[in-house]
Amino acid sequence: MQRIVTLILTFFMLFSFSVLSAENVSTSPYVVLENVGTKLFGRIAANQQEIKKFPALMQNIVEEELMPSIDYKYASYRILGKHLRKTTKEQRAKFVGSMRNYLARTYSTALMQYKNQQVIFEPEKSVEGKKIVAIKTQIVDINKPTIDVIFKMRRNKKTGEWKAFDMVVEGISLLSSKQAELSKRIAKQGVEQVSVELASIAK
């Protein structure tokens, strides 16, 4: 469990930015990535005392600063995988909504354990004609082994915005892991029941 929290926290470190901010609307995912964390962690630092008194404040910060940067709809569809074509529009919308709220709650919990870490970014490369880009980074923490991380970002063909949808740590994709976890449950219980379960966890 602690390992999962650590990986999720690493995810926040690198993708906690507001894509609605003009400075983050970029044609380069590398530029977006290098702007990561400024706004979110600035707010967390400025509100440490309030967060200790009112932990629910972290949920508000996550909703405002983090969730706009996550392509949770695309990630949800990838998690549904082969089950996607068997779902109705309403079922898909419910699953995406439940997954979004589940992620927001999980992010809020993990961020309560945030410590200051150093991030080393891969030099910028051309992304011309690409829709999905994998960007290598290293997370350096004092007295802990360096973590090599690959982030997968996808460009929205309508808006041109780059958003994160997966993270690969030590060869393990968090998206693929979640898909493997839920696929059997969806096959056995159905997508609606799994959506209900995810929604209950997010409360």
N, C-alpha and C. Protein backbone atom coordinates (compact mmCIF):
# COMPACT_ATOMS: atom_id res chain seq x y z
N MET A 1 0.83 -1.21 0.00
CA MET A 1 0.00 0.00 0.00
C MET A 1 0.87 1.26 0.00
N GLN A 2 1.93 1.25 0.82
CA GLN A 2 2.82 2.40 0.90
C GLN A 2 3.48 2.66 -0.45
N ARG A 3 3.83 1.59 -1.16
CA ARG A 3 4.45 1.72 -2.48
C ARG A 3 3.50 2.41 -3.46
N ILE A 4 2.23 2.02 -3.41
CA ILE A 4 1.24 2.63 -4.30
C ILE A 4 1.10 4.11 -4.00
N VAL A 5 1.06 4.46 -2.71
CA VAL A 5 0.95 5.86 -2.32
C VAL A 5 2.15 6.65 -2.82
N THR A 6 3.35 6.04 -2.73
CA THR A 6 4.56 6.70 -3.19
C THR A 6 4.50 6.96 -4.69
N LEU A 7 4.03 5.99 -5.45
CA LEU A 7 3.93 6.15 -6.90
C LEU A 7 2.90 7.22 -7.26
N ILE A 8 1.79 7.23 -6.55
CA ILE A 8 0.76 8.23 -6.82
C ILE A 8 1.28 9.62 -6.49
N LEU A 9 2.02 9.72 -5.39
CA LEU A 9 2.57 11.01 -5.00
C LEU A 9 3.57 11.49 -6.04
N THR A 10 4.35 10.57 -6.60
CA THR A 10 5.27 10.92 -7.67
C THR A 10 4.51 11.47 -8.86
N PHE A 11 3.39 10.87 -9.14
CA PHE A 11 2.53 11.32 -10.23
C PHE A 11 2.11 12.78 -10.01
N PHE A 12 1.72 13.10 -8.79
CA PHE A 12 1.29 14.46 -8.48
C PHE A 12 2.42 15.44 -8.68
N MET A 13 3.61 15.06 -8.27
CA MET A 13 4.76 15.95 -8.36
C MET A 13 4.96 16.45 -9.78
N LEU A 14 4.68 15.60 -10.73
CA LEU A 14 4.99 15.94 -12.11
C LEU A 14 3.82 16.40 -12.94
N PHE A 15 2.61 16.19 -12.46
CA PHE A 15 1.47 16.58 -13.27
C PHE A 15 0.45 17.42 -12.53
N SER A 16 0.90 18.13 -11.52
CA SER A 16 -0.03 18.97 -10.77
C SER A 16 0.09 20.41 -11.23
N PHE A 17 -0.51 20.71 -12.38
CA PHE A 17 -0.52 22.06 -12.91
C PHE A 17 -1.89 22.34 -13.47
N SER A 18 -2.24 23.62 -13.67
CA SER A 18 -3.54 23.98 -14.21
C SER A 18 -3.45 24.20 -15.70
N VAL A 19 -4.03 23.32 -16.50
CA VAL A 19 -3.98 23.48 -17.94
C VAL A 19 -4.88 24.61 -18.40
N LEU A 20 -5.66 25.15 -17.51
CA LEU A 20 -6.51 26.28 -17.86
C LEU A 20 -5.73 27.59 -17.81
N SER A 21 -4.53 27.56 -17.20
CA SER A 21 -3.71 28.75 -17.13
C SER A 21 -3.04 28.99 -18.47
N ALA A 22 -2.99 30.23 -18.90
CA ALA A 22 -2.46 30.56 -20.22
C ALA A 22 -1.01 30.11 -20.38
N GLU A 23 -0.22 30.17 -19.29
CA GLU A 23 1.19 29.82 -19.40
C GLU A 23 1.39 28.33 -19.65
N ASN A 24 0.37 27.52 -19.42
CA ASN A 24 0.51 26.08 -19.60
C ASN A 24 -0.12 25.58 -20.89
N VAL A 25 -0.71 26.48 -21.67
CA VAL A 25 -1.25 26.07 -22.96
C VAL A 25 -0.09 26.08 -23.94
N SER A 26 0.46 24.92 -24.21
CA SER A 26 1.68 24.82 -25.00
C SER A 26 1.57 23.70 -26.01
N THR A 27 2.29 23.86 -27.12
CA THR A 27 2.32 22.81 -28.12
C THR A 27 3.37 21.77 -27.77
N SER A 28 4.11 21.98 -26.70
CA SER A 28 5.14 21.04 -26.28
C SER A 28 4.82 20.44 -24.92
N PRO A 29 4.70 19.12 -24.83
CA PRO A 29 4.43 18.49 -23.53
C PRO A 29 5.62 18.64 -22.59
N TYR A 30 6.81 18.83 -23.15
CA TYR A 30 8.00 19.02 -22.32
C TYR A 30 7.92 20.35 -21.57
N VAL A 31 7.45 21.37 -22.26
CA VAL A 31 7.29 22.68 -21.63
C VAL A 31 6.23 22.59 -20.55
N VAL A 32 5.13 21.91 -20.86
CA VAL A 32 4.07 21.73 -19.88
C VAL A 32 4.61 21.00 -18.65
N LEU A 33 5.37 19.94 -18.90
CA LEU A 33 5.91 19.13 -17.81
C LEU A 33 6.83 19.94 -16.90
N GLU A 34 7.63 20.85 -17.51
CA GLU A 34 8.57 21.64 -16.72
C GLU A 34 7.88 22.75 -15.93
N ASN A 35 6.62 22.98 -16.21
CA ASN A 35 5.85 23.96 -15.44
C ASN A 35 5.05 23.31 -14.30
N VAL A 36 5.31 21.98 -14.17
CA VAL A 36 4.52 21.19 -13.22
C VAL A 36 4.71 21.62 -11.78
N GLY A 37 3.65 21.51 -11.01
CA GLY A 37 3.73 21.66 -9.58
C GLY A 37 3.70 23.06 -9.02
N THR A 38 4.04 24.06 -9.85
CA THR A 38 4.17 25.42 -9.32
C THR A 38 2.92 25.90 -8.60
N LYS A 39 1.79 25.80 -9.25
CA LYS A 39 0.57 26.34 -8.67
C LYS A 39 0.01 25.46 -7.55
N LEU A 40 -0.05 24.16 -7.80
CA LEU A 40 -0.61 23.25 -6.81
C LEU A 40 0.18 23.27 -5.51
N PHE A 41 1.50 23.05 -5.63
CA PHE A 41 2.30 22.96 -4.42
C PHE A 41 2.52 24.31 -3.78
N GLY A 42 2.40 25.38 -4.56
CA GLY A 42 2.42 26.71 -3.98
C GLY A 42 1.23 26.90 -3.06
N ARG A 43 0.07 26.44 -3.50
CA ARG A 43 -1.14 26.55 -2.67
C ARG A 43 -1.06 25.65 -1.44
N ILE A 44 -0.50 24.46 -1.63
CA ILE A 44 -0.37 23.55 -0.49
C ILE A 44 0.57 24.16 0.56
N ALA A 45 1.68 24.72 0.10
CA ALA A 45 2.64 25.33 1.01
C ALA A 45 2.03 26.52 1.75
N ALA A 46 1.23 27.30 1.02
CA ALA A 46 0.64 28.50 1.60
C ALA A 46 -0.51 28.19 2.55
N ASN A 47 -1.02 26.97 2.48
CA ASN A 47 -2.20 26.63 3.29
C ASN A 47 -1.95 25.44 4.23
N GLN A 48 -0.69 25.20 4.60
CA GLN A 48 -0.36 24.05 5.43
C GLN A 48 -1.14 24.02 6.74
N GLN A 49 -1.20 25.13 7.43
CA GLN A 49 -1.90 25.17 8.71
C GLN A 49 -3.39 24.91 8.54
N GLU A 50 -3.98 25.52 7.50
CA GLU A 50 -5.40 25.33 7.24
C GLU A 50 -5.71 23.88 6.86
N ILE A 51 -4.82 23.28 6.09
CA ILE A 51 -5.02 21.89 5.67
C ILE A 51 -4.97 20.95 6.87
N LYS A 52 -4.08 21.23 7.81
CA LYS A 52 -4.00 20.39 9.02
C LYS A 52 -5.29 20.46 9.82
N LYS A 53 -5.88 21.66 9.86
CA LYS A 53 -7.12 21.85 10.62
C LYS A 53 -8.32 21.33 9.84
N PHE A 54 -8.29 21.55 8.53
CA PHE A 54 -9.42 21.16 7.68
C PHE A 54 -8.91 20.35 6.48
N PRO A 55 -8.69 19.04 6.66
CA PRO A 55 -8.15 18.18 5.60
C PRO A 55 -8.96 18.24 4.30
N ALA A 56 -10.25 18.55 4.40
CA ALA A 56 -11.09 18.62 3.20
C ALA A 56 -10.63 19.70 2.25
N LEU A 57 -9.84 20.65 2.73
CA LEU A 57 -9.33 21.72 1.88
C LEU A 57 -8.44 21.15 0.78
N MET A 58 -7.76 20.05 1.09
CA MET A 58 -6.89 19.42 0.09
C MET A 58 -7.71 18.94 -1.10
N GLN A 59 -8.91 18.44 -0.82
CA GLN A 59 -9.80 17.99 -1.90
C GLN A 59 -10.14 19.15 -2.82
N ASN A 60 -10.40 20.32 -2.25
CA ASN A 60 -10.71 21.49 -3.06
C ASN A 60 -9.53 21.90 -3.94
N ILE A 61 -8.34 21.85 -3.35
CA ILE A 61 -7.14 22.22 -4.10
C ILE A 61 -6.92 21.25 -5.26
N VAL A 62 -7.11 19.97 -4.98
CA VAL A 62 -6.95 18.95 -6.02
C VAL A 62 -7.94 19.18 -7.16
N GLU A 63 -9.19 19.45 -6.81
CA GLU A 63 -10.22 19.67 -7.82
C GLU A 63 -9.88 20.86 -8.72
N GLU A 64 -9.34 21.92 -8.11
CA GLU A 64 -9.08 23.15 -8.84
C GLU A 64 -7.75 23.14 -9.59
N GLU A 65 -6.74 22.50 -9.02
CA GLU A 65 -5.41 22.60 -9.59
C GLU A 65 -4.91 21.35 -10.31
N LEU A 66 -5.41 20.18 -9.92
CA LEU A 66 -4.89 18.95 -10.49
C LEU A 66 -5.79 18.31 -11.54
N MET A 67 -7.05 18.15 -11.22
CA MET A 67 -7.93 17.39 -12.09
C MET A 67 -8.05 17.93 -13.52
N PRO A 68 -7.97 19.25 -13.74
CA PRO A 68 -8.01 19.73 -15.13
C PRO A 68 -6.84 19.24 -15.98
N SER A 69 -5.78 18.75 -15.32
CA SER A 69 -4.59 18.32 -16.05
C SER A 69 -4.58 16.83 -16.34
N ILE A 70 -5.56 16.10 -15.85
CA ILE A 70 -5.62 14.65 -16.02
C ILE A 70 -6.65 14.27 -17.07
N ASP A 71 -6.24 13.49 -18.05
CA ASP A 71 -7.16 13.03 -19.08
C ASP A 71 -7.87 11.77 -18.56
N TYR A 72 -8.73 11.99 -17.58
CA TYR A 72 -9.39 10.87 -16.90
C TYR A 72 -10.39 10.14 -17.80
N LYS A 73 -10.96 10.85 -18.78
CA LYS A 73 -11.90 10.20 -19.69
C LYS A 73 -11.17 9.19 -20.57
N TYR A 74 -10.05 9.61 -21.14
CA TYR A 74 -9.27 8.70 -21.98
C TYR A 74 -8.75 7.53 -21.15
N ALA A 75 -8.26 7.82 -19.94
CA ALA A 75 -7.76 6.77 -19.06
C ALA A 75 -8.87 5.78 -18.70
N SER A 76 -10.07 6.31 -18.45
CA SER A 76 -11.21 5.45 -18.11
C SER A 76 -11.56 4.53 -19.26
N TYR A 77 -11.54 5.06 -20.46
CA TYR A 77 -11.83 4.24 -21.64
C TYR A 77 -10.78 3.16 -21.84
N ARG A 78 -9.53 3.51 -21.56
CA ARG A 78 -8.46 2.51 -21.67
C ARG A 78 -8.65 1.42 -20.62
N ILE A 79 -9.09 1.80 -19.44
CA ILE A 79 -9.33 0.82 -18.38
C ILE A 79 -10.48 -0.11 -18.75
N LEU A 80 -11.51 0.43 -19.35
CA LEU A 80 -12.64 -0.40 -19.80
C LEU A 80 -12.20 -1.38 -20.87
N GLY A 81 -11.27 -0.98 -21.71
CA GLY A 81 -10.70 -1.88 -22.72
C GLY A 81 -11.75 -2.56 -23.58
N LYS A 82 -11.72 -3.89 -23.60
CA LYS A 82 -12.63 -4.67 -24.43
C LYS A 82 -14.09 -4.52 -24.02
N HIS A 83 -14.32 -4.06 -22.80
CA HIS A 83 -15.68 -3.89 -22.31
C HIS A 83 -16.33 -2.60 -22.85
N LEU A 84 -15.52 -1.71 -23.38
CA LEU A 84 -16.01 -0.40 -23.80
C LEU A 84 -17.12 -0.51 -24.84
N ARG A 85 -16.92 -1.35 -25.85
CA ARG A 85 -17.89 -1.43 -26.94
C ARG A 85 -19.22 -2.06 -26.51
N LYS A 86 -19.22 -2.68 -25.33
CA LYS A 86 -20.44 -3.32 -24.84
C LYS A 86 -21.26 -2.39 -23.94
N THR A 87 -20.73 -1.19 -23.69
CA THR A 87 -21.40 -0.27 -22.78
C THR A 87 -22.25 0.74 -23.54
N THR A 88 -23.25 1.28 -22.85
CA THR A 88 -24.07 2.34 -23.42
C THR A 88 -23.43 3.69 -23.10
N LYS A 89 -23.92 4.72 -23.72
CA LYS A 89 -23.40 6.07 -23.49
C LYS A 89 -23.55 6.45 -22.02
N GLU A 90 -24.69 6.09 -21.44
CA GLU A 90 -24.96 6.40 -20.04
C GLU A 90 -24.01 5.64 -19.11
N GLN A 91 -23.76 4.37 -19.43
CA GLN A 91 -22.86 3.57 -18.60
C GLN A 91 -21.44 4.12 -18.66
N ARG A 92 -21.01 4.53 -19.85
CA ARG A 92 -19.67 5.10 -19.99
C ARG A 92 -19.53 6.38 -19.18
N ALA A 93 -20.55 7.24 -19.28
CA ALA A 93 -20.51 8.51 -18.55
C ALA A 93 -20.45 8.28 -17.04
N LYS A 94 -21.21 7.30 -16.56
CA LYS A 94 -21.22 6.99 -15.13
C LYS A 94 -19.87 6.44 -14.67
N PHE A 95 -19.27 5.59 -15.48
CA PHE A 95 -17.98 5.01 -15.14
C PHE A 95 -16.90 6.08 -15.11
N VAL A 96 -16.90 6.95 -16.12
CA VAL A 96 -15.92 8.03 -16.18
C VAL A 96 -16.06 8.95 -14.96
N GLY A 97 -17.30 9.28 -14.60
CA GLY A 97 -17.54 10.12 -13.45
C GLY A 97 -17.06 9.48 -12.16
N SER A 98 -17.34 8.20 -12.00
CA SER A 98 -16.91 7.48 -10.80
C SER A 98 -15.40 7.38 -10.72
N MET A 99 -14.77 7.12 -11.88
CA MET A 99 -13.31 7.02 -11.91
C MET A 99 -12.66 8.36 -11.60
N ARG A 100 -13.24 9.44 -12.12
CA ARG A 100 -12.70 10.77 -11.86
C ARG A 100 -12.74 11.08 -10.36
N ASN A 101 -13.88 10.82 -9.72
CA ASN A 101 -14.03 11.11 -8.30
C ASN A 101 -13.13 10.21 -7.45
N TYR A 102 -12.99 8.97 -7.89
CA TYR A 102 -12.11 8.03 -7.20
C TYR A 102 -10.66 8.52 -7.24
N LEU A 103 -10.23 8.97 -8.42
CA LEU A 103 -8.87 9.49 -8.56
C LEU A 103 -8.66 10.74 -7.73
N ALA A 104 -9.62 11.65 -7.75
CA ALA A 104 -9.51 12.90 -6.99
C ALA A 104 -9.36 12.61 -5.49
N ARG A 105 -10.14 11.65 -4.99
CA ARG A 105 -10.06 11.29 -3.58
C ARG A 105 -8.71 10.65 -3.26
N THR A 106 -8.26 9.77 -4.15
CA THR A 106 -6.97 9.10 -3.96
C THR A 106 -5.83 10.11 -3.98
N TYR A 107 -5.88 11.04 -4.92
CA TYR A 107 -4.86 12.09 -5.03
C TYR A 107 -4.82 12.93 -3.75
N SER A 108 -5.98 13.30 -3.25
CA SER A 108 -6.05 14.14 -2.06
C SER A 108 -5.41 13.45 -0.86
N THR A 109 -5.67 12.16 -0.71
CA THR A 109 -5.11 11.39 0.39
C THR A 109 -3.59 11.31 0.29
N ALA A 110 -3.09 11.02 -0.90
CA ALA A 110 -1.65 10.88 -1.10
C ALA A 110 -0.93 12.21 -0.91
N LEU A 111 -1.53 13.30 -1.34
CA LEU A 111 -0.89 14.60 -1.23
C LEU A 111 -0.71 15.06 0.22
N MET A 112 -1.45 14.49 1.14
CA MET A 112 -1.28 14.82 2.55
C MET A 112 0.11 14.38 3.04
N GLN A 113 0.75 13.47 2.29
CA GLN A 113 2.06 12.96 2.67
C GLN A 113 3.19 13.61 1.87
N TYR A 114 2.90 14.70 1.19
CA TYR A 114 3.88 15.33 0.32
C TYR A 114 5.12 15.81 1.07
N LYS A 115 6.29 15.50 0.51
CA LYS A 115 7.58 16.00 0.97
C LYS A 115 8.27 16.63 -0.24
N ASN A 116 9.21 17.51 0.03
CA ASN A 116 9.88 18.20 -1.07
C ASN A 116 10.87 17.26 -1.77
N GLN A 117 10.70 17.09 -3.08
CA GLN A 117 11.60 16.25 -3.87
C GLN A 117 12.11 17.01 -5.09
N GLN A 118 13.24 16.55 -5.63
CA GLN A 118 13.81 17.16 -6.82
C GLN A 118 13.41 16.35 -8.04
N VAL A 119 13.09 17.05 -9.14
CA VAL A 119 12.69 16.40 -10.38
C VAL A 119 13.67 16.76 -11.48
N ILE A 120 14.17 15.75 -12.19
CA ILE A 120 15.07 15.97 -13.32
C ILE A 120 14.32 15.59 -14.59
N PHE A 121 14.21 16.54 -15.52
CA PHE A 121 13.42 16.32 -16.72
C PHE A 121 14.28 15.95 -17.93
N GLU A 122 13.71 15.13 -18.78
CA GLU A 122 14.35 14.79 -20.05
C GLU A 122 14.37 16.03 -20.94
N PRO A 123 15.47 16.27 -21.66
CA PRO A 123 15.53 17.43 -22.56
C PRO A 123 14.42 17.38 -23.60
N GLU A 124 13.97 18.56 -24.02
CA GLU A 124 12.88 18.65 -24.97
C GLU A 124 13.24 18.07 -26.33
N LYS A 125 12.27 17.37 -26.93
CA LYS A 125 12.41 16.80 -28.26
C LYS A 125 11.24 17.23 -29.14
N SER A 126 11.39 17.06 -30.41
CA SER A 126 10.31 17.41 -31.33
C SER A 126 9.14 16.45 -31.16
N VAL A 127 7.92 17.01 -31.14
CA VAL A 127 6.71 16.19 -31.02
C VAL A 127 5.81 16.40 -32.24
N GLU A 128 6.38 16.93 -33.29
CA GLU A 128 5.59 17.22 -34.49
C GLU A 128 4.93 15.95 -35.03
N GLY A 129 3.62 16.04 -35.22
CA GLY A 129 2.87 14.92 -35.77
C GLY A 129 2.53 13.83 -34.76
N LYS A 130 2.94 14.00 -33.50
CA LYS A 130 2.68 12.98 -32.49
C LYS A 130 1.45 13.32 -31.66
N LYS A 131 0.69 12.29 -31.30
CA LYS A 131 -0.49 12.46 -30.46
C LYS A 131 -0.23 12.02 -29.02
N ILE A 132 0.68 11.06 -28.88
CA ILE A 132 1.05 10.54 -27.56
C ILE A 132 2.57 10.57 -27.43
N VAL A 133 3.04 11.06 -26.30
CA VAL A 133 4.48 11.18 -26.07
C VAL A 133 4.83 10.59 -24.70
N ALA A 134 5.91 9.85 -24.65
CA ALA A 134 6.42 9.30 -23.40
C ALA A 134 7.64 10.13 -22.98
N ILE A 135 7.58 10.71 -21.80
CA ILE A 135 8.65 11.60 -21.33
C ILE A 135 9.32 10.99 -20.11
N LYS A 136 10.65 10.88 -20.19
CA LYS A 136 11.41 10.29 -19.09
C LYS A 136 11.78 11.35 -18.05
N THR A 137 11.67 10.97 -16.79
CA THR A 137 12.06 11.85 -15.70
C THR A 137 12.72 11.03 -14.60
N GLN A 138 13.38 11.73 -13.70
CA GLN A 138 13.96 11.08 -12.52
C GLN A 138 13.52 11.84 -11.29
N ILE A 139 13.13 11.09 -10.26
CA ILE A 139 12.72 11.68 -8.99
C ILE A 139 13.84 11.43 -7.98
N VAL A 140 14.43 12.51 -7.48
CA VAL A 140 15.55 12.40 -6.56
C VAL A 140 15.10 12.81 -5.16
N ASP A 141 15.22 11.89 -4.21
CA ASP A 141 14.82 12.15 -2.83
C ASP A 141 16.02 11.83 -1.93
N ILE A 142 16.28 12.70 -0.96
CA ILE A 142 17.42 12.50 -0.07
C ILE A 142 17.31 11.17 0.68
N ASN A 143 18.40 10.43 0.68
CA ASN A 143 18.51 9.16 1.41
C ASN A 143 17.60 8.07 0.84
N LYS A 144 17.10 8.27 -0.39
CA LYS A 144 16.27 7.25 -1.04
C LYS A 144 16.77 7.01 -2.46
N PRO A 145 16.58 5.79 -3.00
CA PRO A 145 17.03 5.51 -4.37
C PRO A 145 16.31 6.41 -5.38
N THR A 146 17.03 6.80 -6.43
CA THR A 146 16.43 7.60 -7.49
C THR A 146 15.40 6.76 -8.24
N ILE A 147 14.27 7.37 -8.53
CA ILE A 147 13.19 6.66 -9.22
C ILE A 147 13.11 7.13 -10.67
N ASP A 148 13.22 6.19 -11.61
CA ASP A 148 13.06 6.50 -13.03
C ASP A 148 11.59 6.36 -13.40
N VAL A 149 11.05 7.40 -13.99
CA VAL A 149 9.62 7.42 -14.31
C VAL A 149 9.41 7.84 -15.76
N ILE A 150 8.50 7.17 -16.42
CA ILE A 150 8.09 7.56 -17.77
C ILE A 150 6.64 7.99 -17.71
N PHE A 151 6.38 9.21 -18.14
CA PHE A 151 5.01 9.72 -18.16
C PHE A 151 4.49 9.71 -19.59
N LYS A 152 3.25 9.28 -19.74
CA LYS A 152 2.61 9.29 -21.04
C LYS A 152 1.60 10.43 -21.10
N MET A 153 1.77 11.26 -22.12
CA MET A 153 0.89 12.41 -22.30
C MET A 153 0.23 12.34 -23.67
N ARG A 154 -0.98 12.83 -23.71
CA ARG A 154 -1.77 12.76 -24.94
C ARG A 154 -2.26 14.16 -25.31
N ARG A 155 -2.16 14.48 -26.60
CA ARG A 155 -2.61 15.78 -27.07
C ARG A 155 -4.06 15.70 -27.54
N ASN A 156 -4.88 16.59 -27.01
CA ASN A 156 -6.28 16.68 -27.43
C ASN A 156 -6.33 17.28 -28.82
N LYS A 157 -6.92 16.56 -29.78
CA LYS A 157 -6.90 17.02 -31.16
C LYS A 157 -7.74 18.27 -31.38
N LYS A 158 -8.67 18.54 -30.47
CA LYS A 158 -9.52 19.72 -30.61
C LYS A 158 -8.89 20.97 -29.99
N THR A 159 -8.34 20.82 -28.78
CA THR A 159 -7.80 21.97 -28.06
C THR A 159 -6.29 22.11 -28.19
N GLY A 160 -5.60 21.02 -28.53
CA GLY A 160 -4.15 21.05 -28.62
C GLY A 160 -3.46 20.91 -27.28
N GLU A 161 -4.23 20.77 -26.19
CA GLU A 161 -3.66 20.66 -24.85
C GLU A 161 -3.09 19.26 -24.62
N TRP A 162 -1.98 19.24 -23.90
CA TRP A 162 -1.38 17.97 -23.50
C TRP A 162 -1.80 17.64 -22.08
N LYS A 163 -2.27 16.42 -21.88
CA LYS A 163 -2.67 15.98 -20.55
C LYS A 163 -2.07 14.60 -20.25
N ALA A 164 -1.87 14.33 -18.98
CA ALA A 164 -1.30 13.06 -18.56
C ALA A 164 -2.38 11.99 -18.43
N PHE A 165 -2.06 10.77 -18.86
CA PHE A 165 -3.02 9.68 -18.70
C PHE A 165 -2.41 8.41 -18.13
N ASP A 166 -1.07 8.35 -18.03
CA ASP A 166 -0.45 7.14 -17.47
C ASP A 166 0.96 7.45 -16.99
N MET A 167 1.44 6.60 -16.08
CA MET A 167 2.79 6.69 -15.55
C MET A 167 3.36 5.29 -15.46
N VAL A 168 4.61 5.13 -15.90
CA VAL A 168 5.28 3.84 -15.86
C VAL A 168 6.48 3.94 -14.93
N VAL A 169 6.46 3.17 -13.86
CA VAL A 169 7.54 3.18 -12.87
C VAL A 169 8.15 1.78 -12.79
N GLU A 170 9.47 1.72 -13.01
CA GLU A 170 10.16 0.44 -12.98
C GLU A 170 9.47 -0.58 -13.89
N GLY A 171 9.02 -0.10 -15.05
CA GLY A 171 8.41 -0.98 -16.05
C GLY A 171 6.96 -1.31 -15.80
N ILE A 172 6.38 -0.78 -14.74
CA ILE A 172 4.99 -1.07 -14.39
C ILE A 172 4.11 0.13 -14.72
N SER A 173 3.12 -0.08 -15.57
CA SER A 173 2.17 0.96 -15.94
C SER A 173 1.04 0.99 -14.92
N LEU A 174 0.81 2.16 -14.33
CA LEU A 174 -0.29 2.26 -13.36
C LEU A 174 -1.64 2.09 -14.04
N LEU A 175 -1.73 2.55 -15.29
CA LEU A 175 -2.98 2.41 -16.03
C LEU A 175 -3.27 0.93 -16.32
N SER A 176 -2.25 0.22 -16.77
CA SER A 176 -2.42 -1.21 -17.07
C SER A 176 -2.73 -2.00 -15.80
N SER A 177 -2.11 -1.59 -14.70
CA SER A 177 -2.37 -2.27 -13.42
C SER A 177 -3.82 -2.09 -13.00
N LYS A 178 -4.34 -0.88 -13.15
CA LYS A 178 -5.73 -0.62 -12.79
C LYS A 178 -6.68 -1.35 -13.73
N GLN A 179 -6.32 -1.43 -15.00
CA GLN A 179 -7.15 -2.14 -15.96
C GLN A 179 -7.22 -3.62 -15.60
N ALA A 180 -6.09 -4.20 -15.24
CA ALA A 180 -6.06 -5.62 -14.87
C ALA A 180 -6.89 -5.86 -13.61
N GLU A 181 -6.84 -4.91 -12.68
CA GLU A 181 -7.59 -5.03 -11.43
C GLU A 181 -9.10 -4.99 -11.66
N LEU A 182 -9.53 -4.09 -12.54
CA LEU A 182 -10.98 -3.89 -12.73
C LEU A 182 -11.59 -4.75 -13.83
N SER A 183 -10.78 -5.23 -14.77
CA SER A 183 -11.32 -5.96 -15.91
C SER A 183 -12.12 -7.20 -15.50
N LYS A 184 -11.56 -7.98 -14.57
CA LYS A 184 -12.25 -9.19 -14.12
C LYS A 184 -13.52 -8.85 -13.36
N ARG A 185 -13.45 -7.77 -12.58
CA ARG A 185 -14.63 -7.36 -11.81
C ARG A 185 -15.73 -6.88 -12.75
N ILE A 186 -15.35 -6.17 -13.81
CA ILE A 186 -16.35 -5.69 -14.78
C ILE A 186 -16.99 -6.88 -15.49
N ALA A 187 -16.16 -7.86 -15.86
CA ALA A 187 -16.67 -9.04 -16.55
C ALA A 187 -17.63 -9.83 -15.67
N LYS A 188 -17.35 -9.88 -14.38
CA LYS A 188 -18.15 -10.66 -13.45
C LYS A 188 -19.37 -9.89 -12.94
N GLN A 189 -19.18 -8.61 -12.59
CA GLN A 189 -20.23 -7.84 -11.93
C GLN A 189 -20.94 -6.86 -12.86
N GLY A 190 -20.27 -6.49 -13.95
CA GLY A 190 -20.84 -5.50 -14.85
C GLY A 190 -20.29 -4.11 -14.57
N VAL A 191 -20.25 -3.27 -15.59
CA VAL A 191 -19.65 -1.95 -15.46
C VAL A 191 -20.44 -1.06 -14.50
N GLU A 192 -21.76 -1.24 -14.45
CA GLU A 192 -22.57 -0.39 -13.57
C GLU A 192 -22.26 -0.66 -12.09
N GLN A 193 -22.12 -1.92 -11.73
CA GLN A 193 -21.81 -2.26 -10.35
C GLN A 193 -20.42 -1.77 -9.94
N VAL A 194 -19.46 -1.90 -10.85
CA VAL A 194 -18.10 -1.43 -10.57
C VAL A 194 -18.10 0.09 -10.43
N SER A 195 -18.91 0.76 -11.21
CA SER A 195 -19.03 2.22 -11.10
C SER A 195 -19.57 2.62 -9.74
N VAL A 196 -20.56 1.87 -9.28
CA VAL A 196 -21.13 2.12 -7.96
C VAL A 196 -20.09 1.92 -6.85
N GLU A 197 -19.31 0.86 -6.98
CA GLU A 197 -18.28 0.56 -5.99
C GLU A 197 -17.22 1.65 -5.96
N LEU A 198 -16.79 2.13 -7.13
CA LEU A 198 -15.80 3.19 -7.21
C LEU A 198 -16.35 4.48 -6.59
N ALA A 199 -17.62 4.74 -6.86
CA ALA A 199 -18.27 5.94 -6.32
C ALA A 199 -18.33 5.89 -4.80
N SER A 200 -18.58 4.70 -4.24
CA SER A 200 -18.67 4.57 -2.79
C SER A 200 -17.31 4.77 -2.13
N ILE A 201 -16.25 4.34 -2.82
CA ILE A 201 -14.90 4.53 -2.29
C ILE A 201 -14.54 6.01 -2.29
N ALA A 202 -15.03 6.73 -3.30
CA ALA A 202 -14.68 8.14 -3.46
C ALA A 202 -15.36 9.05 -2.46
N LYS A 203 -16.36 8.53 -1.73
CA LYS A 203 -17.11 9.38 -0.78
C LYS A 203 -16.31 9.62 0.50
